[in-house]
PDB file of N, CA and C in Angstrom:
ATOM      1  N   UNK A   1      11.701   7.738   1.323  1.00  0.00           N
ATOM      2  CA  UNK A   1      10.411   7.934   0.734  1.00  0.00           C
ATOM      3  C   UNK A   1      10.422   9.278   0.015  1.00  0.00           C
ATOM      4  N   UNK A   2       9.956   9.254  -1.216  1.00  0.00           N
ATOM      5  CA  UNK A   2       9.867  10.478  -2.010  1.00  0.00           C
ATOM      6  C   UNK A   2       8.502  11.142  -1.915  1.00  0.00           C
ATOM      7  N   UNK A   3       7.459  10.319  -1.775  1.00  0.00           N
ATOM      8  CA  UNK A   3       6.115  10.894  -1.703  1.00  0.00           C
ATOM      9  C   UNK A   3       5.116   9.885  -1.160  1.00  0.00           C
ATOM     10  N   UNK A   4       3.989  10.424  -0.758  1.00  0.00           N
ATOM     11  CA  UNK A   4       2.860   9.624  -0.291  1.00  0.00           C
ATOM     12  C   UNK A   4       1.727   9.853  -1.273  1.00  0.00           C
ATOM     13  N   UNK A   5       1.022   8.790  -1.626  1.00  0.00           N
ATOM     14  CA  UNK A   5      -0.070   8.888  -2.591  1.00  0.00           C
ATOM     15  C   UNK A   5      -1.366   8.473  -1.911  1.00  0.00           C
ATOM     16  N   UNK A   6      -2.380   9.314  -2.036  1.00  0.00           N
ATOM     17  CA  UNK A   6      -3.713   8.976  -1.536  1.00  0.00           C
ATOM     18  C   UNK A   6      -4.432   8.209  -2.642  1.00  0.00           C
ATOM     19  N   UNK A   7      -4.953   7.049  -2.306  1.00  0.00           N
ATOM     20  CA  UNK A   7      -5.602   6.216  -3.314  1.00  0.00           C
ATOM     21  C   UNK A   7      -6.990   6.739  -3.658  1.00  0.00           C
ATOM     22  N   UNK A   8      -7.516   6.225  -4.751  1.00  0.00           N
ATOM     23  CA  UNK A   8      -8.797   6.722  -5.271  1.00  0.00           C
ATOM     24  C   UNK A   8      -9.843   5.617  -5.341  1.00  0.00           C
ATOM     25  N   UNK A   9     -10.017   4.885  -4.268  1.00  0.00           N
ATOM     26  CA  UNK A   9     -10.982   3.791  -4.260  1.00  0.00           C
ATOM     27  C   UNK A   9     -12.412   4.307  -4.331  1.00  0.00           C
ATOM     28  N   UNK A  10     -13.235   3.559  -5.052  1.00  0.00           N
ATOM     29  CA  UNK A  10     -14.668   3.834  -5.072  1.00  0.00           C
ATOM     30  C   UNK A  10     -15.237   3.456  -3.700  1.00  0.00           C
ATOM     31  N   UNK A  11     -16.263   4.151  -3.274  1.00  0.00           N
ATOM     32  CA  UNK A  11     -16.883   3.834  -2.001  1.00  0.00           C
ATOM     33  C   UNK A  11     -17.521   2.452  -2.057  1.00  0.00           C
ATOM     34  N   UNK A  12     -17.391   1.696  -0.987  1.00  0.00           N
ATOM     35  CA  UNK A  12     -17.953   0.345  -0.836  1.00  0.00           C
ATOM     36  C   UNK A  12     -17.415  -0.644  -1.863  1.00  0.00           C
ATOM     37  N   UNK A  13     -16.188  -0.477  -2.280  1.00  0.00           N
ATOM     38  CA  UNK A  13     -15.590  -1.401  -3.239  1.00  0.00           C
ATOM     39  C   UNK A  13     -14.963  -2.591  -2.528  1.00  0.00           C
ATOM     40  N   UNK A  14     -14.842  -3.695  -3.224  1.00  0.00           N
ATOM     41  CA  UNK A  14     -14.152  -4.864  -2.683  1.00  0.00           C
ATOM     42  C   UNK A  14     -12.658  -4.796  -2.955  1.00  0.00           C
ATOM     43  N   UNK A  15     -12.263  -4.020  -3.949  1.00  0.00           N
ATOM     44  CA  UNK A  15     -10.848  -3.906  -4.314  1.00  0.00           C
ATOM     45  C   UNK A  15     -10.214  -2.752  -3.543  1.00  0.00           C
ATOM     46  N   UNK A  16      -9.426  -3.083  -2.530  1.00  0.00           N
ATOM     47  CA  UNK A  16      -8.738  -2.046  -1.766  1.00  0.00           C
ATOM     48  C   UNK A  16      -7.231  -2.082  -2.036  1.00  0.00           C
ATOM     49  N   UNK A  17      -6.858  -2.656  -3.163  1.00  0.00           N
ATOM     50  CA  UNK A  17      -5.447  -2.685  -3.540  1.00  0.00           C
ATOM     51  C   UNK A  17      -5.021  -1.306  -4.039  1.00  0.00           C
ATOM     52  N   UNK A  18      -3.725  -1.149  -4.235  1.00  0.00           N
ATOM     53  CA  UNK A  18      -3.194   0.103  -4.794  1.00  0.00           C
ATOM     54  C   UNK A  18      -2.618  -0.147  -6.190  1.00  0.00           C
ATOM     55  N   UNK A  19      -3.115  -1.172  -6.861  1.00  0.00           N
ATOM     56  CA  UNK A  19      -2.622  -1.514  -8.202  1.00  0.00           C
ATOM     57  C   UNK A  19      -2.783  -0.352  -9.183  1.00  0.00           C
ATOM     58  N   UNK A  20      -3.915   0.323  -9.151  1.00  0.00           N
ATOM     59  CA  UNK A  20      -4.149   1.449 -10.066  1.00  0.00           C
ATOM     60  C   UNK A  20      -3.072   2.520  -9.877  1.00  0.00           C
ATOM     61  N   UNK A  21      -2.792   2.868  -8.635  1.00  0.00           N
ATOM     62  CA  UNK A  21      -1.802   3.897  -8.348  1.00  0.00           C
ATOM     63  C   UNK A  21      -0.396   3.439  -8.728  1.00  0.00           C
ATOM     64  N   UNK A  22      -0.090   2.164  -8.497  1.00  0.00           N
ATOM     65  CA  UNK A  22       1.231   1.645  -8.876  1.00  0.00           C
ATOM     66  C   UNK A  22       1.444   1.736 -10.383  1.00  0.00           C
ATOM     67  N   UNK A  23       0.392   1.465 -11.157  1.00  0.00           N
ATOM     68  CA  UNK A  23       0.501   1.584 -12.617  1.00  0.00           C
ATOM     69  C   UNK A  23       0.786   3.021 -13.030  1.00  0.00           C
ATOM     70  N   UNK A  24       0.189   3.981 -12.320  1.00  0.00           N
ATOM     71  CA  UNK A  24       0.367   5.391 -12.663  1.00  0.00           C
ATOM     72  C   UNK A  24       1.747   5.930 -12.297  1.00  0.00           C
ATOM     73  N   UNK A  25       2.206   5.639 -11.087  1.00  0.00           N
ATOM     74  CA  UNK A  25       3.454   6.263 -10.625  1.00  0.00           C
ATOM     75  C   UNK A  25       4.691   5.404 -10.858  1.00  0.00           C
ATOM     76  N   UNK A  26       4.510   4.101 -11.015  1.00  0.00           N
ATOM     77  CA  UNK A  26       5.608   3.162 -11.276  1.00  0.00           C
ATOM     78  C   UNK A  26       6.854   3.439 -10.424  1.00  0.00           C
ATOM     79  N   UNK A  27       6.726   3.252  -9.117  1.00  0.00           N
ATOM     80  CA  UNK A  27       7.867   3.508  -8.233  1.00  0.00           C
ATOM     81  C   UNK A  27       8.952   2.449  -8.408  1.00  0.00           C
ATOM     82  N   UNK A  28      10.131   2.744  -7.937  1.00  0.00           N
ATOM     83  CA  UNK A  28      11.209   1.751  -7.938  1.00  0.00           C
ATOM     84  C   UNK A  28      10.956   0.691  -6.874  1.00  0.00           C
ATOM     85  N   UNK A  29      10.382   1.127  -5.746  1.00  0.00           N
ATOM     86  CA  UNK A  29      10.154   0.244  -4.599  1.00  0.00           C
ATOM     87  C   UNK A  29       8.727   0.427  -4.091  1.00  0.00           C
ATOM     88  N   UNK A  30       8.087  -0.682  -3.735  1.00  0.00           N
ATOM     89  CA  UNK A  30       6.780  -0.661  -3.088  1.00  0.00           C
ATOM     90  C   UNK A  30       6.965  -1.275  -1.707  1.00  0.00           C
ATOM     91  N   UNK A  31       6.834  -0.460  -0.657  1.00  0.00           N
ATOM     92  CA  UNK A  31       7.079  -0.901   0.718  1.00  0.00           C
ATOM     93  C   UNK A  31       5.778  -1.337   1.378  1.00  0.00           C
ATOM     94  N   UNK A  32       5.866  -2.390   2.167  1.00  0.00           N
ATOM     95  CA  UNK A  32       4.703  -2.965   2.834  1.00  0.00           C
ATOM     96  C   UNK A  32       4.968  -3.127   4.317  1.00  0.00           C
ATOM     97  N   UNK A  33       3.898  -3.037   5.122  1.00  0.00           N
ATOM     98  CA  UNK A  33       4.004  -3.195   6.565  1.00  0.00           C
ATOM     99  C   UNK A  33       4.177  -4.646   6.975  1.00  0.00           C
ATOM    100  N   UNK A  34       4.235  -4.858   8.279  1.00  0.00           N
ATOM    101  CA  UNK A  34       4.549  -6.161   8.844  1.00  0.00           C
ATOM    102  C   UNK A  34       3.537  -7.257   8.610  1.00  0.00           C
ATOM    103  N   UNK A  35       2.297  -6.903   8.292  1.00  0.00           N
ATOM    104  CA  UNK A  35       1.278  -7.942   8.110  1.00  0.00           C
ATOM    105  C   UNK A  35       1.142  -8.379   6.661  1.00  0.00           C
ATOM    106  N   UNK A  36       1.975  -7.866   5.797  1.00  0.00           N
ATOM    107  CA  UNK A  36       1.882  -8.181   4.364  1.00  0.00           C
ATOM    108  C   UNK A  36       2.993  -9.136   3.947  1.00  0.00           C
ATOM    109  N   UNK A  37       2.637 -10.047   3.066  1.00  0.00           N
ATOM    110  CA  UNK A  37       3.587 -10.999   2.483  1.00  0.00           C
ATOM    111  C   UNK A  37       3.279 -11.086   0.994  1.00  0.00           C
ATOM    112  N   UNK A  38       4.240 -11.557   0.214  1.00  0.00           N
ATOM    113  CA  UNK A  38       4.029 -11.605  -1.238  1.00  0.00           C
ATOM    114  C   UNK A  38       2.847 -12.479  -1.636  1.00  0.00           C
ATOM    115  N   UNK A  39       2.502 -13.458  -0.810  1.00  0.00           N
ATOM    116  CA  UNK A  39       1.422 -14.365  -1.194  1.00  0.00           C
ATOM    117  C   UNK A  39       0.038 -13.915  -0.711  1.00  0.00           C
ATOM    118  N   UNK A  40      -0.042 -12.752  -0.042  1.00  0.00           N
ATOM    119  CA  UNK A  40      -1.372 -12.327   0.409  1.00  0.00           C
ATOM    120  C   UNK A  40      -1.730 -10.899  -0.007  1.00  0.00           C
ATOM    121  N   UNK A  41      -1.078 -10.403  -1.066  1.00  0.00           N
ATOM    122  CA  UNK A  41      -1.432  -9.066  -1.555  1.00  0.00           C
ATOM    123  C   UNK A  41      -1.621  -9.081  -3.072  1.00  0.00           C
ATOM    124  N   UNK A  42      -2.628  -8.378  -3.564  1.00  0.00           N
ATOM    125  CA  UNK A  42      -2.900  -8.365  -5.004  1.00  0.00           C
ATOM    126  C   UNK A  42      -1.844  -7.616  -5.810  1.00  0.00           C
ATOM    127  N   UNK A  43      -1.069  -6.755  -5.165  1.00  0.00           N
ATOM    128  CA  UNK A  43      -0.069  -5.965  -5.877  1.00  0.00           C
ATOM    129  C   UNK A  43       1.149  -6.782  -6.317  1.00  0.00           C
ATOM    130  N   UNK A  44       1.315  -7.986  -5.773  1.00  0.00           N
ATOM    131  CA  UNK A  44       2.515  -8.781  -6.041  1.00  0.00           C
ATOM    132  C   UNK A  44       2.744  -9.035  -7.530  1.00  0.00           C
ATOM    133  N   UNK A  45       1.752  -9.559  -8.215  1.00  0.00           N
ATOM    134  CA  UNK A  45       1.930  -9.885  -9.644  1.00  0.00           C
ATOM    135  C   UNK A  45       2.195  -8.645 -10.484  1.00  0.00           C
ATOM    136  N   UNK A  46       1.501  -7.559 -10.170  1.00  0.00           N
ATOM    137  CA  UNK A  46       1.706  -6.314 -10.908  1.00  0.00           C
ATOM    138  C   UNK A  46       3.131  -5.797 -10.711  1.00  0.00           C
ATOM    139  N   UNK A  47       3.602  -5.789  -9.482  1.00  0.00           N
ATOM    140  CA  UNK A  47       4.968  -5.326  -9.212  1.00  0.00           C
ATOM    141  C   UNK A  47       5.989  -6.192  -9.942  1.00  0.00           C
ATOM    142  N   UNK A  48       5.769  -7.484  -9.938  1.00  0.00           N
ATOM    143  CA  UNK A  48       6.681  -8.388 -10.640  1.00  0.00           C
ATOM    144  C   UNK A  48       6.694  -8.072 -12.138  1.00  0.00           C
ATOM    145  N   UNK A  49       5.518  -7.852 -12.711  1.00  0.00           N
ATOM    146  CA  UNK A  49       5.404  -7.554 -14.147  1.00  0.00           C
ATOM    147  C   UNK A  49       6.047  -6.213 -14.503  1.00  0.00           C
ATOM    148  N   UNK A  50       5.896  -5.208 -13.624  1.00  0.00           N
ATOM    149  CA  UNK A  50       6.422  -3.874 -13.906  1.00  0.00           C
ATOM    150  C   UNK A  50       7.863  -3.674 -13.432  1.00  0.00           C
ATOM    151  N   UNK A  51       8.430  -4.687 -12.770  1.00  0.00           N
ATOM    152  CA  UNK A  51       9.808  -4.568 -12.288  1.00  0.00           C
ATOM    153  C   UNK A  51       9.947  -3.690 -11.055  1.00  0.00           C
ATOM    154  N   UNK A  52       8.889  -3.609 -10.259  1.00  0.00           N
ATOM    155  CA  UNK A  52       8.913  -2.826  -9.025  1.00  0.00           C
ATOM    156  C   UNK A  52       9.387  -3.732  -7.890  1.00  0.00           C
ATOM    157  N   UNK A  53      10.447  -3.313  -7.206  1.00  0.00           N
ATOM    158  CA  UNK A  53      10.965  -4.091  -6.082  1.00  0.00           C
ATOM    159  C   UNK A  53       9.991  -3.993  -4.915  1.00  0.00           C
ATOM    160  N   UNK A  54       9.714  -5.132  -4.283  1.00  0.00           N
ATOM    161  CA  UNK A  54       8.825  -5.136  -3.125  1.00  0.00           C
ATOM    162  C   UNK A  54       9.651  -5.343  -1.868  1.00  0.00           C
ATOM    163  N   UNK A  55       9.381  -4.532  -0.851  1.00  0.00           N
ATOM    164  CA  UNK A  55      10.065  -4.634   0.432  1.00  0.00           C
ATOM    165  C   UNK A  55       8.997  -4.860   1.493  1.00  0.00           C
ATOM    166  N   UNK A  56       9.215  -5.861   2.342  1.00  0.00           N
ATOM    167  CA  UNK A  56       8.228  -6.227   3.349  1.00  0.00           C
ATOM    168  C   UNK A  56       8.734  -5.947   4.760  1.00  0.00           C
ATOM    169  N   UNK A  57       7.803  -5.932   5.703  1.00  0.00           N
ATOM    170  CA  UNK A  57       8.085  -5.721   7.124  1.00  0.00           C
ATOM    171  C   UNK A  57       8.771  -4.381   7.370  1.00  0.00           C
ATOM    172  N   UNK A  58       8.284  -3.360   6.691  1.00  0.00           N
ATOM    173  CA  UNK A  58       8.847  -2.018   6.804  1.00  0.00           C
ATOM    174  C   UNK A  58       8.391  -1.384   8.115  1.00  0.00           C
ATOM    175  N   UNK A  59       9.284  -0.712   8.766  1.00  0.00           N
ATOM    176  CA  UNK A  59       8.958  -0.010  10.010  1.00  0.00           C
ATOM    177  C   UNK A  59       9.608  -0.668  11.203  1.00  0.00           C
ATOM    178  N   UNK A  60      10.247   0.132  11.999  1.00  0.00           N
ATOM    179  CA  UNK A  60      10.929  -0.371  13.187  1.00  0.00           C
ATOM    180  C   UNK A  60       9.918  -0.962  14.159  1.00  0.00           C
ATOM    181  N   UNK A  61      10.188  -2.157  14.626  1.00  0.00           N
ATOM    182  CA  UNK A  61       9.303  -2.803  15.586  1.00  0.00           C
ATOM    183  C   UNK A  61       8.094  -3.478  14.973  1.00  0.00           C
ATOM    184  N   UNK A  62       8.041  -3.564  13.656  1.00  0.00           N
ATOM    185  CA  UNK A  62       6.901  -4.195  12.999  1.00  0.00           C
ATOM    186  C   UNK A  62       5.695  -3.280  12.960  1.00  0.00           C
ATOM    187  N   UNK A  63       4.574  -3.829  12.614  1.00  0.00           N
ATOM    188  CA  UNK A  63       3.352  -3.032  12.465  1.00  0.00           C
ATOM    189  C   UNK A  63       2.806  -2.658  13.840  1.00  0.00           C
ATOM    190  N   UNK A  64       2.601  -1.345  14.051  1.00  0.00           N
ATOM    191  CA  UNK A  64       2.066  -0.900  15.335  1.00  0.00           C
ATOM    192  C   UNK A  64       0.659  -0.319  15.204  1.00  0.00           C
ATOM    193  N   UNK A  65       0.258   0.056  13.983  1.00  0.00           N
ATOM    194  CA  UNK A  65      -1.088   0.591  13.737  1.00  0.00           C
ATOM    195  C   UNK A  65      -1.575   0.129  12.373  1.00  0.00           C
ATOM    196  N   UNK A  66      -2.867  -0.076  12.267  1.00  0.00           N
ATOM    197  CA  UNK A  66      -3.417  -0.446  10.964  1.00  0.00           C
ATOM    198  C   UNK A  66      -3.640   0.808  10.134  1.00  0.00           C
ATOM    199  N   UNK A  67      -3.480   0.691   8.833  1.00  0.00           N
ATOM    200  CA  UNK A  67      -3.710   1.836   7.948  1.00  0.00           C
ATOM    201  C   UNK A  67      -5.173   2.274   8.019  1.00  0.00           C
ATOM    202  N   UNK A  68      -6.073   1.339   8.243  1.00  0.00           N
ATOM    203  CA  UNK A  68      -7.487   1.681   8.384  1.00  0.00           C
ATOM    204  C   UNK A  68      -7.687   2.666   9.533  1.00  0.00           C
ATOM    205  N   UNK A  69      -7.064   2.387  10.663  1.00  0.00           N
ATOM    206  CA  UNK A  69      -7.195   3.274  11.825  1.00  0.00           C
ATOM    207  C   UNK A  69      -6.552   4.630  11.560  1.00  0.00           C
ATOM    208  N   UNK A  70      -5.429   4.659  10.867  1.00  0.00           N
ATOM    209  CA  UNK A  70      -4.775   5.927  10.537  1.00  0.00           C
ATOM    210  C   UNK A  70      -5.656   6.784   9.630  1.00  0.00           C
ATOM    211  N   UNK A  71      -6.266   6.159   8.636  1.00  0.00           N
ATOM    212  CA  UNK A  71      -7.150   6.892   7.721  1.00  0.00           C
ATOM    213  C   UNK A  71      -8.381   7.396   8.467  1.00  0.00           C
ATOM    214  N   UNK A  72      -8.943   6.558   9.315  1.00  0.00           N
ATOM    215  CA  UNK A  72     -10.116   6.949  10.097  1.00  0.00           C
ATOM    216  C   UNK A  72      -9.801   8.179  10.949  1.00  0.00           C
ATOM    217  N   UNK A  73      -8.652   8.161  11.604  1.00  0.00           N
ATOM    218  CA  UNK A  73      -8.259   9.292  12.450  1.00  0.00           C
ATOM    219  C   UNK A  73      -8.023  10.550  11.608  1.00  0.00           C
ATOM    220  N   UNK A  74      -7.404  10.396  10.446  1.00  0.00           N
ATOM    221  CA  UNK A  74      -7.146  11.540   9.564  1.00  0.00           C
ATOM    222  C   UNK A  74      -8.458  12.161   9.087  1.00  0.00           C
ATOM    223  N   UNK A  75      -9.447  11.326   8.770  1.00  0.00           N
ATOM    224  CA  UNK A  75     -10.750  11.836   8.325  1.00  0.00           C
ATOM    225  C   UNK A  75     -11.438  12.631   9.425  1.00  0.00           C
ATOM    226  N   UNK A  76     -11.242  12.221  10.665  1.00  0.00           N
ATOM    227  CA  UNK A  76     -11.843  12.938  11.789  1.00  0.00           C
ATOM    228  C   UNK A  76     -11.245  14.334  11.939  1.00  0.00           C
ATOM    229  N   UNK A  77     -10.009  14.513  11.514  1.00  0.00           N
ATOM    230  CA  UNK A  77      -9.324  15.797  11.637  1.00  0.00           C
ATOM    231  C   UNK A  77      -9.693  16.777  10.535  1.00  0.00           C
ATOM    232  N   UNK A  78     -10.270  16.268   9.451  1.00  0.00           N
ATOM    233  CA  UNK A  78     -10.590  17.129   8.308  1.00  0.00           C
ATOM    234  C   UNK A  78     -11.949  17.770   8.463  1.00  0.00           C
TER     235      UNK A  78
END
């Protein structure tokens, strides 16, 4: 991993994808956790169009925490 990007979602939005950020940074690889598959994420078509390799089931032992819970905990620390 070269960097972590904090997304810029509008509050109370229905779109929680990272398509906007992928267009900006155009990484070589977009890694996804254990609960993601190519047929259930909005980023799939964009990655295919931009030539971004998608890697699934990232992380030893599969998904152990939801990103929602991680963000919630991080906000409590700020």
